[in-house]
Amino acid sequence: MDIHLLVDNLTNPALLFFVLGLFATQVQSDLEIPENSSKFISLYLLFAIGFKGGHELAHSQMDMSIFWAVFFGIFLAIIVPIYTFYILRIRFNVENAGAIAASYGSVSAVTFITAVSFLEMEGVSFGGHMVAVMALMEAPSIIVGVLFIRLYSNGQKSAEEMRQVIKHALTNGSVMLILGSLLIGFIASDKQAEGIAPFTTDIFKGFLAVFLLDMGISSGRKISDFLSKGWFAVLFAILIPILNGVVIAVISGYFIESTGDRLLLSILAASASYIAVPAAMRMAAPGANPSLYLPMALAVTFPFNITLGMPLYLYVIQIGVYG
């Protein structure tokens, strides 16, 4: 691996703020980001990335690579929760296996946003349509996870309960905001987009750094209890993302030329949801243990992807491009 990619990523200020959050919890500091502020920042990040992606999409030439990216995204959101469910059933009950599988089939918007920042730092271009791919990957995995829980569980859920879960997956706030911002950015003219550029572009990295600080604090608070549950979950939370990310980094090269698009697709395949899926599973699978599937995604997979995962997947892609 090109060592400068790893060094650049590990010395990225946004990532270092994440490390600061982790460190603060370990020394029992009272450092924290107010909950309302944290929610606002997460909404801002989704809004900004969606708007910029939509505006870039408006200037993109529609070709087969866009079709393949969308196809791969939706396919992954369906197939990943299916195969991971059977792996997870080795150690976990039906509801926990279904909830974790849905998390790893879905995506982490913050991981995606961090990857966008990483590509910009490395000077690698990417298509605005990748924002749409991210948004389209949220709902299918939740639906598959819930269907598997229903299929293998003794207690059947009513049709009305299933409709509510599916509706929640499709109208989840993060999905609505990212798709809505994408559409607005697509419609906006260059002059209109430039008018709000100080908000959507200039302060983006600063807000990302503060949000990752908050993510570091949240991860640090959850990781100790999680590690006490055993090594199977820890290994799963690292090995499955590596498998998904590396496989897509290789396979995507046969259909997609853009290095940036391939990396974003790889990081989407490797990421795990810790916002949309837990919210859905709270209603769909109340018997699933949030202290299991939430720390797996937030305290293990997320840190791995933003530190070592992104340089690894980019290295695999570049081997194929230049080697």
C-alpha atoms as a PDB file:
ATOM      1  CA  MET A   1       0.000   0.000   0.000  1.00  0.00           C
ATOM      2  CA  ASP A   2       1.219   3.504  -0.842  1.00  0.00           C
ATOM      3  CA  ILE A   3       2.213   4.709   2.629  1.00  0.00           C
ATOM      4  CA  HIS A   4       1.354   8.333   1.903  1.00  0.00           C
ATOM      5  CA  LEU A   5      -2.352   7.425   1.533  1.00  0.00           C
ATOM      6  CA  LEU A   6      -2.362   5.933   5.007  1.00  0.00           C
ATOM      7  CA  VAL A   7      -0.379   8.818   6.522  1.00  0.00           C
ATOM      8  CA  ASP A   8      -2.578  11.447   4.851  1.00  0.00           C
ATOM      9  CA  ASN A   9      -5.695   9.756   6.147  1.00  0.00           C
ATOM     10  CA  LEU A  10      -4.420   9.206   9.691  1.00  0.00           C
ATOM     11  CA  THR A  11      -3.312  12.850   9.945  1.00  0.00           C
ATOM     12  CA  ASN A  12      -6.556  14.227   8.548  1.00  0.00           C
ATOM     13  CA  PRO A  13      -7.852  16.801  11.123  1.00  0.00           C
ATOM     14  CA  ALA A  14     -11.390  15.393  10.923  1.00  0.00           C
ATOM     15  CA  LEU A  15     -10.130  11.915  11.804  1.00  0.00           C
ATOM     16  CA  LEU A  16      -7.936  13.279  14.587  1.00  0.00           C
ATOM     17  CA  PHE A  17     -11.002  14.892  16.148  1.00  0.00           C
ATOM     18  CA  PHE A  18     -12.593  11.432  16.147  1.00  0.00           C
ATOM     19  CA  VAL A  19      -9.531  10.121  17.999  1.00  0.00           C
ATOM     20  CA  LEU A  20      -9.814  13.042  20.419  1.00  0.00           C
ATOM     21  CA  GLY A  21     -13.386  11.996  21.199  1.00  0.00           C
ATOM     22  CA  LEU A  22     -12.250   8.438  21.884  1.00  0.00           C
ATOM     23  CA  PHE A  23      -9.447   9.669  24.120  1.00  0.00           C
ATOM     24  CA  ALA A  24     -11.769  11.980  26.047  1.00  0.00           C
ATOM     25  CA  THR A  25     -14.008   9.077  27.061  1.00  0.00           C
ATOM     26  CA  GLN A  26     -11.057   6.937  28.165  1.00  0.00           C
ATOM     27  CA  VAL A  27      -9.787   9.648  30.542  1.00  0.00           C
ATOM     28  CA  GLN A  28     -13.378  10.233  31.719  1.00  0.00           C
ATOM     29  CA  SER A  29     -13.524  13.807  30.482  1.00  0.00           C
ATOM     30  CA  ASP A  30     -16.874  15.600  30.575  1.00  0.00           C
ATOM     31  CA  LEU A  31     -16.374  16.721  26.960  1.00  0.00           C
ATOM     32  CA  GLU A  32     -19.601  16.299  24.974  1.00  0.00           C
ATOM     33  CA  ILE A  33     -21.516  17.770  22.065  1.00  0.00           C
ATOM     34  CA  PRO A  34     -25.091  18.771  23.012  1.00  0.00           C
ATOM     35  CA  GLU A  35     -27.618  16.349  21.542  1.00  0.00           C
ATOM     36  CA  ASN A  36     -29.537  19.039  19.661  1.00  0.00           C
ATOM     37  CA  SER A  37     -26.307  20.381  18.147  1.00  0.00           C
ATOM     38  CA  SER A  38     -25.249  16.890  17.116  1.00  0.00           C
ATOM     39  CA  LYS A  39     -28.566  16.293  15.389  1.00  0.00           C
ATOM     40  CA  PHE A  40     -28.351  19.636  13.595  1.00  0.00           C
ATOM     41  CA  ILE A  41     -24.825  18.878  12.350  1.00  0.00           C
ATOM     42  CA  SER A  42     -25.847  15.452  11.062  1.00  0.00           C
ATOM     43  CA  LEU A  43     -28.774  17.040   9.200  1.00  0.00           C
ATOM     44  CA  TYR A  44     -26.456  19.717   7.807  1.00  0.00           C
ATOM     45  CA  LEU A  45     -23.970  17.123   6.518  1.00  0.00           C
ATOM     46  CA  LEU A  46     -26.708  15.157   4.763  1.00  0.00           C
ATOM     47  CA  PHE A  47     -28.127  18.365   3.294  1.00  0.00           C
ATOM     48  CA  ALA A  48     -24.753  19.616   2.051  1.00  0.00           C
ATOM     49  CA  ILE A  49     -23.604  16.341   0.496  1.00  0.00           C
ATOM     50  CA  GLY A  50     -27.013  15.792  -1.114  1.00  0.00           C
ATOM     51  CA  PHE A  51     -27.181  19.289  -2.583  1.00  0.00           C
ATOM     52  CA  LYS A  52     -23.624  19.196  -3.935  1.00  0.00           C
ATOM     53  CA  GLY A  53     -24.171  15.712  -5.324  1.00  0.00           C
ATOM     54  CA  GLY A  54     -27.366  16.759  -7.073  1.00  0.00           C
ATOM     55  CA  HIS A  55     -25.701  19.795  -8.617  1.00  0.00           C
ATOM     56  CA  GLU A  56     -22.798  17.676  -9.851  1.00  0.00           C
ATOM     57  CA  LEU A  57     -25.268  15.113 -11.197  1.00  0.00           C
ATOM     58  CA  ALA A  58     -26.954  17.850 -13.245  1.00  0.00           C
ATOM     59  CA  HIS A  59     -23.623  18.426 -14.983  1.00  0.00           C
ATOM     60  CA  SER A  60     -22.778  14.728 -15.393  1.00  0.00           C
ATOM     61  CA  GLN A  61     -23.123  12.891 -18.664  1.00  0.00           C
ATOM     62  CA  MET A  62     -25.574  10.052 -18.182  1.00  0.00           C
ATOM     63  CA  ASP A  63     -23.875   6.802 -19.195  1.00  0.00           C
ATOM     64  CA  MET A  64     -23.748   3.112 -18.344  1.00  0.00           C
ATOM     65  CA  SER A  65     -21.374   3.645 -15.413  1.00  0.00           C
ATOM     66  CA  ILE A  66     -24.163   5.469 -13.565  1.00  0.00           C
ATOM     67  CA  PHE A  67     -26.539   2.583 -14.248  1.00  0.00           C
ATOM     68  CA  TRP A  68     -23.980   0.059 -12.993  1.00  0.00           C
ATOM     69  CA  ALA A  69     -23.301   2.057  -9.822  1.00  0.00           C
ATOM     70  CA  VAL A  70     -27.031   2.172  -8.999  1.00  0.00           C
ATOM     71  CA  PHE A  71     -27.424  -1.528  -9.836  1.00  0.00           C
ATOM     72  CA  PHE A  72     -24.446  -2.521  -7.672  1.00  0.00           C
ATOM     73  CA  GLY A  73     -25.716  -0.403  -4.789  1.00  0.00           C
ATOM     74  CA  ILE A  74     -29.206  -1.903  -4.733  1.00  0.00           C
ATOM     75  CA  PHE A  75     -27.841  -5.416  -5.320  1.00  0.00           C
ATOM     76  CA  LEU A  76     -25.476  -5.063  -2.346  1.00  0.00           C
ATOM     77  CA  ALA A  77     -28.270  -3.745  -0.129  1.00  0.00           C
ATOM     78  CA  ILE A  78     -30.178  -6.966  -0.841  1.00  0.00           C
ATOM     79  CA  ILE A  79     -27.454  -9.618  -0.992  1.00  0.00           C
ATOM     80  CA  VAL A  80     -25.298  -8.513   1.978  1.00  0.00           C
ATOM     81  CA  PRO A  81     -28.036  -8.892   4.628  1.00  0.00           C
ATOM     82  CA  ILE A  82     -28.954 -12.283   3.138  1.00  0.00           C
ATOM     83  CA  TYR A  83     -25.511 -13.886   3.338  1.00  0.00           C
ATOM     84  CA  THR A  84     -24.501 -12.202   6.602  1.00  0.00           C
ATOM     85  CA  PHE A  85     -27.720 -13.364   8.287  1.00  0.00           C
ATOM     86  CA  TYR A  86     -26.678 -17.004   7.900  1.00  0.00           C
ATOM     87  CA  ILE A  87     -23.173 -16.280   9.202  1.00  0.00           C
ATOM     88  CA  LEU A  88     -24.593 -14.460  12.205  1.00  0.00           C
ATOM     89  CA  ARG A  89     -26.997 -17.304  12.998  1.00  0.00           C
ATOM     90  CA  ILE A  90     -23.932 -19.341  14.028  1.00  0.00           C
ATOM     91  CA  ARG A  91     -23.787 -17.342  17.266  1.00  0.00           C
ATOM     92  CA  PHE A  92     -26.876 -15.120  17.540  1.00  0.00           C
ATOM     93  CA  ASN A  93     -30.630 -15.572  17.740  1.00  0.00           C
ATOM     94  CA  VAL A  94     -32.945 -14.651  14.865  1.00  0.00           C
ATOM     95  CA  GLU A  95     -33.695 -11.070  15.903  1.00  0.00           C
ATOM     96  CA  ASN A  96     -30.079 -10.151  16.646  1.00  0.00           C
ATOM     97  CA  ALA A  97     -28.905 -11.799  13.416  1.00  0.00           C
ATOM     98  CA  GLY A  98     -31.559  -9.959  11.406  1.00  0.00           C
ATOM     99  CA  ALA A  99     -30.801  -6.583  12.982  1.00  0.00           C
ATOM    100  CA  ILE A 100     -27.029  -6.910  12.498  1.00  0.00           C
ATOM    101  CA  ALA A 101     -27.457  -8.193   8.931  1.00  0.00           C
ATOM    102  CA  ALA A 102     -29.683  -5.215   8.093  1.00  0.00           C
ATOM    103  CA  SER A 103     -27.069  -2.854   9.564  1.00  0.00           C
ATOM    104  CA  TYR A 104     -24.299  -4.281   7.369  1.00  0.00           C
ATOM    105  CA  GLY A 105     -26.476  -4.303   4.261  1.00  0.00           C
ATOM    106  CA  SER A 106     -27.412  -0.688   4.814  1.00  0.00           C
ATOM    107  CA  VAL A 107     -24.958   2.218   4.736  1.00  0.00           C
ATOM    108  CA  SER A 108     -23.376   4.817   6.968  1.00  0.00           C
ATOM    109  CA  ALA A 109     -23.925   8.304   5.570  1.00  0.00           C
ATOM    110  CA  VAL A 110     -21.168   9.695   7.805  1.00  0.00           C
ATOM    111  CA  THR A 111     -18.676   7.111   6.499  1.00  0.00           C
ATOM    112  CA  PHE A 112     -19.674   8.104   2.962  1.00  0.00           C
ATOM    113  CA  ILE A 113     -19.212  11.804   3.773  1.00  0.00           C
ATOM    114  CA  THR A 114     -15.812  11.100   5.329  1.00  0.00           C
ATOM    115  CA  ALA A 115     -14.836   9.166   2.192  1.00  0.00           C
ATOM    116  CA  VAL A 116     -15.861  12.155   0.067  1.00  0.00           C
ATOM    117  CA  SER A 117     -13.579  14.338   2.188  1.00  0.00           C
ATOM    118  CA  PHE A 118     -10.791  11.766   1.777  1.00  0.00           C
ATOM    119  CA  LEU A 119     -11.171  11.799  -2.032  1.00  0.00           C
ATOM    120  CA  GLU A 120     -11.108  15.589  -2.102  1.00  0.00           C
ATOM    121  CA  MET A 121      -7.934  15.566   0.006  1.00  0.00           C
ATOM    122  CA  GLU A 122      -6.334  13.118  -2.450  1.00  0.00           C
ATOM    123  CA  GLY A 123      -7.556  15.079  -5.470  1.00  0.00           C
ATOM    124  CA  VAL A 124      -9.630  12.166  -6.818  1.00  0.00           C
ATOM    125  CA  SER A 125     -12.825  13.094  -8.675  1.00  0.00           C
ATOM    126  CA  PHE A 126     -16.151  11.288  -8.282  1.00  0.00           C
ATOM    127  CA  GLY A 127     -19.677  11.531  -9.666  1.00  0.00           C
ATOM    128  CA  GLY A 128     -22.572  13.284  -7.978  1.00  0.00           C
ATOM    129  CA  HIS A 129     -24.786  10.288  -8.721  1.00  0.00           C
ATOM    130  CA  MET A 130     -23.020   8.378  -5.923  1.00  0.00           C
ATOM    131  CA  VAL A 131     -25.131  10.344  -3.431  1.00  0.00           C
ATOM    132  CA  ALA A 132     -28.244   8.830  -5.009  1.00  0.00           C
ATOM    133  CA  VAL A 133     -26.663   5.368  -4.797  1.00  0.00           C
ATOM    134  CA  MET A 134     -26.081   5.888  -1.070  1.00  0.00           C
ATOM    135  CA  ALA A 135     -29.680   6.960  -0.483  1.00  0.00           C
ATOM    136  CA  LEU A 136     -31.091   4.036  -2.467  1.00  0.00           C
ATOM    137  CA  MET A 137     -29.151   1.533  -0.336  1.00  0.00           C
ATOM    138  CA  GLU A 138     -30.847   2.490   2.943  1.00  0.00           C
ATOM    139  CA  ALA A 139     -34.280   0.902   2.619  1.00  0.00           C
ATOM    140  CA  PRO A 140     -33.749  -2.499   0.881  1.00  0.00           C
ATOM    141  CA  SER A 141     -31.515  -3.917   3.606  1.00  0.00           C
ATOM    142  CA  ILE A 142     -33.949  -2.922   6.348  1.00  0.00           C
ATOM    143  CA  ILE A 143     -36.780  -4.644   4.489  1.00  0.00           C
ATOM    144  CA  VAL A 144     -34.675  -7.798   3.899  1.00  0.00           C
ATOM    145  CA  GLY A 145     -33.610  -7.902   7.567  1.00  0.00           C
ATOM    146  CA  VAL A 146     -37.188  -7.609   8.786  1.00  0.00           C
ATOM    147  CA  LEU A 147     -38.412 -10.226   6.302  1.00  0.00           C
ATOM    148  CA  PHE A 148     -35.772 -12.697   7.505  1.00  0.00           C
ATOM    149  CA  ILE A 149     -36.710 -12.062  11.130  1.00  0.00           C
ATOM    150  CA  ARG A 150     -40.327 -12.740  10.234  1.00  0.00           C
ATOM    151  CA  LEU A 151     -39.458 -15.816   8.183  1.00  0.00           C
ATOM    152  CA  TYR A 152     -37.341 -17.479  10.881  1.00  0.00           C
ATOM    153  CA  SER A 153     -39.105 -16.227  13.987  1.00  0.00           C
ATOM    154  CA  ASN A 154     -41.809 -18.139  15.827  1.00  0.00           C
ATOM    155  CA  GLY A 155     -43.840 -14.992  16.393  1.00  0.00           C
ATOM    156  CA  GLN A 156     -45.261 -13.765  13.079  1.00  0.00           C
ATOM    157  CA  LYS A 157     -45.749 -10.071  12.546  1.00  0.00           C
ATOM    158  CA  SER A 158     -49.037  -8.773  11.203  1.00  0.00           C
ATOM    159  CA  ALA A 159     -49.312  -7.335   7.699  1.00  0.00           C
ATOM    160  CA  GLU A 160     -49.978  -3.910   9.220  1.00  0.00           C
ATOM    161  CA  GLU A 161     -46.778  -4.093  11.287  1.00  0.00           C
ATOM    162  CA  MET A 162     -44.827  -5.046   8.178  1.00  0.00           C
ATOM    163  CA  ARG A 163     -46.335  -2.142   6.231  1.00  0.00           C
ATOM    164  CA  GLN A 164     -45.306   0.242   8.995  1.00  0.00           C
ATOM    165  CA  VAL A 165     -41.732  -1.055   8.971  1.00  0.00           C
ATOM    166  CA  ILE A 166     -41.463  -0.777   5.184  1.00  0.00           C
ATOM    167  CA  LYS A 167     -42.986   2.708   5.267  1.00  0.00           C
ATOM    168  CA  HIS A 168     -40.477   3.742   7.937  1.00  0.00           C
ATOM    169  CA  ALA A 169     -37.613   2.398   5.832  1.00  0.00           C
ATOM    170  CA  LEU A 170     -38.752   4.378   2.801  1.00  0.00           C
ATOM    171  CA  THR A 171     -39.593   7.610   4.627  1.00  0.00           C
ATOM    172  CA  ASN A 172     -36.696   7.598   7.094  1.00  0.00           C
ATOM    173  CA  GLY A 173     -35.561  11.157   7.772  1.00  0.00           C
ATOM    174  CA  SER A 174     -32.016  10.647   6.486  1.00  0.00           C
ATOM    175  CA  VAL A 175     -33.313   9.096   3.255  1.00  0.00           C
ATOM    176  CA  MET A 176     -35.838  11.897   2.732  1.00  0.00           C
ATOM    177  CA  LEU A 177     -33.270  14.623   3.373  1.00  0.00           C
ATOM    178  CA  ILE A 178     -30.550  13.180   1.154  1.00  0.00           C
ATOM    179  CA  LEU A 179     -32.941  12.502  -1.739  1.00  0.00           C
ATOM    180  CA  GLY A 180     -34.694  15.853  -1.333  1.00  0.00           C
ATOM    181  CA  SER A 181     -31.393  17.744  -1.229  1.00  0.00           C
ATOM    182  CA  LEU A 182     -30.192  15.770  -4.240  1.00  0.00           C
ATOM    183  CA  LEU A 183     -33.276  16.800  -6.212  1.00  0.00           C
ATOM    184  CA  ILE A 184     -32.988  20.451  -5.162  1.00  0.00           C
ATOM    185  CA  GLY A 185     -29.307  20.522  -6.073  1.00  0.00           C
ATOM    186  CA  PHE A 186     -30.135  18.957  -9.444  1.00  0.00           C
ATOM    187  CA  ILE A 187     -32.737  21.634 -10.174  1.00  0.00           C
ATOM    188  CA  ALA A 188     -30.700  24.627  -8.933  1.00  0.00           C
ATOM    189  CA  SER A 189     -28.841  26.746 -11.494  1.00  0.00           C
ATOM    190  CA  ASP A 190     -25.114  27.440 -11.200  1.00  0.00           C
ATOM    191  CA  LYS A 191     -25.829  30.965  -9.937  1.00  0.00           C
ATOM    192  CA  GLN A 192     -28.273  29.701  -7.316  1.00  0.00           C
ATOM    193  CA  ALA A 193     -25.858  27.000  -6.135  1.00  0.00           C
ATOM    194  CA  GLU A 194     -23.059  29.534  -5.911  1.00  0.00           C
ATOM    195  CA  GLY A 195     -25.249  31.715  -3.704  1.00  0.00           C
ATOM    196  CA  ILE A 196     -25.316  29.119  -0.919  1.00  0.00           C
ATOM    197  CA  ALA A 197     -21.821  27.726  -1.546  1.00  0.00           C
ATOM    198  CA  PRO A 198     -20.445  29.290   1.682  1.00  0.00           C
ATOM    199  CA  PHE A 199     -22.931  27.100   3.576  1.00  0.00           C
ATOM    200  CA  THR A 200     -22.781  23.916   1.494  1.00  0.00           C
ATOM    201  CA  THR A 201     -19.046  23.931   0.760  1.00  0.00           C
ATOM    202  CA  ASP A 202     -16.878  26.371   2.716  1.00  0.00           C
ATOM    203  CA  ILE A 203     -17.825  25.240   6.238  1.00  0.00           C
ATOM    204  CA  PHE A 204     -18.403  21.576   5.379  1.00  0.00           C
ATOM    205  CA  LYS A 205     -15.103  20.199   6.651  1.00  0.00           C
ATOM    206  CA  GLY A 206     -15.369  22.128   9.904  1.00  0.00           C
ATOM    207  CA  PHE A 207     -18.781  20.666  10.661  1.00  0.00           C
ATOM    208  CA  LEU A 208     -17.519  17.219   9.677  1.00  0.00           C
ATOM    209  CA  ALA A 209     -14.671  17.532  12.195  1.00  0.00           C
ATOM    210  CA  VAL A 210     -17.072  18.473  15.011  1.00  0.00           C
ATOM    211  CA  PHE A 211     -19.412  15.638  14.078  1.00  0.00           C
ATOM    212  CA  LEU A 212     -16.576  13.108  14.104  1.00  0.00           C
ATOM    213  CA  LEU A 213     -15.573  14.400  17.522  1.00  0.00           C
ATOM    214  CA  ASP A 214     -19.102  13.549  18.660  1.00  0.00           C
ATOM    215  CA  MET A 215     -18.876  10.136  16.968  1.00  0.00           C
ATOM    216  CA  GLY A 216     -15.600   9.490  18.808  1.00  0.00           C
ATOM    217  CA  ILE A 217     -17.252  10.285  22.132  1.00  0.00           C
ATOM    218  CA  SER A 218     -20.216   8.013  21.321  1.00  0.00           C
ATOM    219  CA  SER A 219     -17.940   5.179  20.180  1.00  0.00           C
ATOM    220  CA  GLY A 220     -15.706   5.452  23.242  1.00  0.00           C
ATOM    221  CA  ARG A 221     -18.683   5.154  25.577  1.00  0.00           C
ATOM    222  CA  LYS A 222     -19.952   1.976  23.900  1.00  0.00           C
ATOM    223  CA  ILE A 223     -16.832   0.037  23.041  1.00  0.00           C
ATOM    224  CA  SER A 224     -15.847  -1.311  26.473  1.00  0.00           C
ATOM    225  CA  ASP A 225     -19.233  -2.942  27.152  1.00  0.00           C
ATOM    226  CA  PHE A 226     -19.301  -4.292  23.624  1.00  0.00           C
ATOM    227  CA  LEU A 227     -15.839  -5.900  23.828  1.00  0.00           C
ATOM    228  CA  SER A 228     -16.974  -7.805  26.894  1.00  0.00           C
ATOM    229  CA  LYS A 229     -19.521  -9.680  24.755  1.00  0.00           C
ATOM    230  CA  GLY A 230     -16.900 -11.773  22.941  1.00  0.00           C
ATOM    231  CA  TRP A 231     -14.682 -11.816  19.862  1.00  0.00           C
ATOM    232  CA  PHE A 232     -17.109 -13.211  17.284  1.00  0.00           C
ATOM    233  CA  ALA A 233     -18.902  -9.884  16.920  1.00  0.00           C
ATOM    234  CA  VAL A 234     -15.603  -7.956  16.826  1.00  0.00           C
ATOM    235  CA  LEU A 235     -14.164 -10.169  14.080  1.00  0.00           C
ATOM    236  CA  PHE A 236     -17.408  -9.971  12.114  1.00  0.00           C
ATOM    237  CA  ALA A 237     -17.424  -6.164  12.374  1.00  0.00           C
ATOM    238  CA  ILE A 238     -13.928  -6.010  10.821  1.00  0.00           C
ATOM    239  CA  LEU A 239     -13.732  -8.977   8.428  1.00  0.00           C
ATOM    240  CA  ILE A 240     -17.116  -8.538   6.726  1.00  0.00           C
ATOM    241  CA  PRO A 241     -16.414  -4.885   5.798  1.00  0.00           C
ATOM    242  CA  ILE A 242     -12.979  -5.878   4.443  1.00  0.00           C
ATOM    243  CA  LEU A 243     -14.545  -8.677   2.387  1.00  0.00           C
ATOM    244  CA  ASN A 244     -17.342  -6.493   1.012  1.00  0.00           C
ATOM    245  CA  GLY A 245     -15.099  -3.504   0.355  1.00  0.00           C
ATOM    246  CA  VAL A 246     -12.277  -5.408  -1.363  1.00  0.00           C
ATOM    247  CA  VAL A 247     -14.600  -7.545  -3.507  1.00  0.00           C
ATOM    248  CA  ILE A 248     -16.465  -4.477  -4.784  1.00  0.00           C
ATOM    249  CA  ALA A 249     -13.185  -2.592  -5.288  1.00  0.00           C
ATOM    250  CA  VAL A 250     -12.121  -5.394  -7.652  1.00  0.00           C
ATOM    251  CA  ILE A 251     -15.419  -6.273  -9.368  1.00  0.00           C
ATOM    252  CA  SER A 252     -16.490  -2.663  -9.963  1.00  0.00           C
ATOM    253  CA  GLY A 253     -13.439  -2.179 -12.185  1.00  0.00           C
ATOM    254  CA  TYR A 254     -15.085  -4.286 -14.906  1.00  0.00           C
ATOM    255  CA  PHE A 255     -18.025  -1.868 -15.193  1.00  0.00           C
ATOM    256  CA  ILE A 256     -16.998   1.515 -13.747  1.00  0.00           C
ATOM    257  CA  GLU A 257     -13.973   3.544 -14.827  1.00  0.00           C
ATOM    258  CA  SER A 258     -13.948   6.325 -12.224  1.00  0.00           C
ATOM    259  CA  THR A 259     -11.586   5.597  -9.328  1.00  0.00           C
ATOM    260  CA  GLY A 260     -13.578   7.903  -7.059  1.00  0.00           C
ATOM    261  CA  ASP A 261     -16.888   6.210  -7.864  1.00  0.00           C
ATOM    262  CA  ARG A 262     -15.346   2.788  -7.247  1.00  0.00           C
ATOM    263  CA  LEU A 263     -13.981   3.852  -3.861  1.00  0.00           C
ATOM    264  CA  LEU A 264     -17.319   5.311  -2.775  1.00  0.00           C
ATOM    265  CA  LEU A 265     -19.109   2.145  -3.883  1.00  0.00           C
ATOM    266  CA  SER A 266     -16.547   0.062  -1.962  1.00  0.00           C
ATOM    267  CA  ILE A 267     -16.962   2.138   1.200  1.00  0.00           C
ATOM    268  CA  LEU A 268     -20.753   1.879   0.913  1.00  0.00           C
ATOM    269  CA  ALA A 269     -20.411  -1.909   0.623  1.00  0.00           C
ATOM    270  CA  ALA A 270     -18.102  -1.964   3.651  1.00  0.00           C
ATOM    271  CA  SER A 271     -20.037   0.420   5.895  1.00  0.00           C
ATOM    272  CA  ALA A 272     -22.795  -0.330   8.385  1.00  0.00           C
ATOM    273  CA  SER A 273     -25.752   1.770   9.439  1.00  0.00           C
ATOM    274  CA  TYR A 274     -25.938   3.018  13.022  1.00  0.00           C
ATOM    275  CA  ILE A 275     -28.744   5.555  12.550  1.00  0.00           C
ATOM    276  CA  ALA A 276     -31.469   4.365  10.142  1.00  0.00           C
ATOM    277  CA  VAL A 277     -31.358   0.637  10.955  1.00  0.00           C
ATOM    278  CA  PRO A 278     -31.369   0.961  14.774  1.00  0.00           C
ATOM    279  CA  ALA A 279     -34.349   3.314  14.478  1.00  0.00           C
ATOM    280  CA  ALA A 280     -36.215   0.774  12.337  1.00  0.00           C
ATOM    281  CA  MET A 281     -35.241  -2.243  14.449  1.00  0.00           C
ATOM    282  CA  ARG A 282     -36.441  -0.578  17.599  1.00  0.00           C
ATOM    283  CA  MET A 283     -39.932  -1.053  16.168  1.00  0.00           C
ATOM    284  CA  ALA A 284     -39.486  -4.154  14.015  1.00  0.00           C
ATOM    285  CA  ALA A 285     -37.288  -6.276  16.285  1.00  0.00           C
ATOM    286  CA  PRO A 286     -37.689  -5.167  19.908  1.00  0.00           C
ATOM    287  CA  GLY A 287     -36.027  -8.388  21.033  1.00  0.00           C
ATOM    288  CA  ALA A 288     -32.777  -7.503  19.247  1.00  0.00           C
ATOM    289  CA  ASN A 289     -30.050  -6.152  21.523  1.00  0.00           C
ATOM    290  CA  PRO A 290     -29.082  -2.527  20.615  1.00  0.00           C
ATOM    291  CA  SER A 291     -25.935  -2.823  22.745  1.00  0.00           C
ATOM    292  CA  LEU A 292     -24.782  -5.475  20.265  1.00  0.00           C
ATOM    293  CA  TYR A 293     -25.619  -4.232  16.758  1.00  0.00           C
ATOM    294  CA  LEU A 294     -25.134  -0.518  17.443  1.00  0.00           C
ATOM    295  CA  PRO A 295     -21.543  -0.729  18.824  1.00  0.00           C
ATOM    296  CA  MET A 296     -20.588  -3.184  16.086  1.00  0.00           C
ATOM    297  CA  ALA A 297     -21.395  -0.561  13.460  1.00  0.00           C
ATOM    298  CA  LEU A 298     -20.379   2.565  15.356  1.00  0.00           C
ATOM    299  CA  ALA A 299     -17.497   1.507  17.610  1.00  0.00           C
ATOM    300  CA  VAL A 300     -15.750  -1.051  15.367  1.00  0.00           C
ATOM    301  CA  THR A 301     -16.710  -0.888  11.674  1.00  0.00           C
ATOM    302  CA  PHE A 302     -16.926   2.906  11.448  1.00  0.00           C
ATOM    303  CA  PRO A 303     -13.472   3.596  12.963  1.00  0.00           C
ATOM    304  CA  PHE A 304     -11.916   0.816  10.884  1.00  0.00           C
ATOM    305  CA  ASN A 305     -13.328   2.157   7.626  1.00  0.00           C
ATOM    306  CA  ILE A 306     -12.299   5.780   8.155  1.00  0.00           C
ATOM    307  CA  THR A 307      -8.769   4.889   9.293  1.00  0.00           C
ATOM    308  CA  LEU A 308      -7.557   1.788   7.457  1.00  0.00           C
ATOM    309  CA  GLY A 309     -10.465   0.833   5.208  1.00  0.00           C
ATOM    310  CA  MET A 310     -10.440   3.791   2.813  1.00  0.00           C
ATOM    311  CA  PRO A 311      -6.682   3.607   2.023  1.00  0.00           C
ATOM    312  CA  LEU A 312      -6.977  -0.192   1.664  1.00  0.00           C
ATOM    313  CA  TYR A 313      -9.876  -0.067  -0.817  1.00  0.00           C
ATOM    314  CA  LEU A 314      -8.244   2.754  -2.787  1.00  0.00           C
ATOM    315  CA  TYR A 315      -4.995   0.772  -2.936  1.00  0.00           C
ATOM    316  CA  VAL A 316      -6.844  -2.296  -4.289  1.00  0.00           C
ATOM    317  CA  ILE A 317      -8.505  -0.111  -6.936  1.00  0.00           C
ATOM    318  CA  GLN A 318      -5.223   1.524  -7.930  1.00  0.00           C
ATOM    319  CA  ILE A 319      -3.504  -1.863  -8.296  1.00  0.00           C
ATOM    320  CA  GLY A 320      -6.081  -2.713 -10.934  1.00  0.00           C
ATOM    321  CA  VAL A 321      -5.817   0.681 -12.625  1.00  0.00           C
ATOM    322  CA  TYR A 322      -2.027   1.044 -12.706  1.00  0.00           C
ATOM    323  CA  GLY A 323      -0.825  -2.512 -12.155  1.00  0.00           C
END
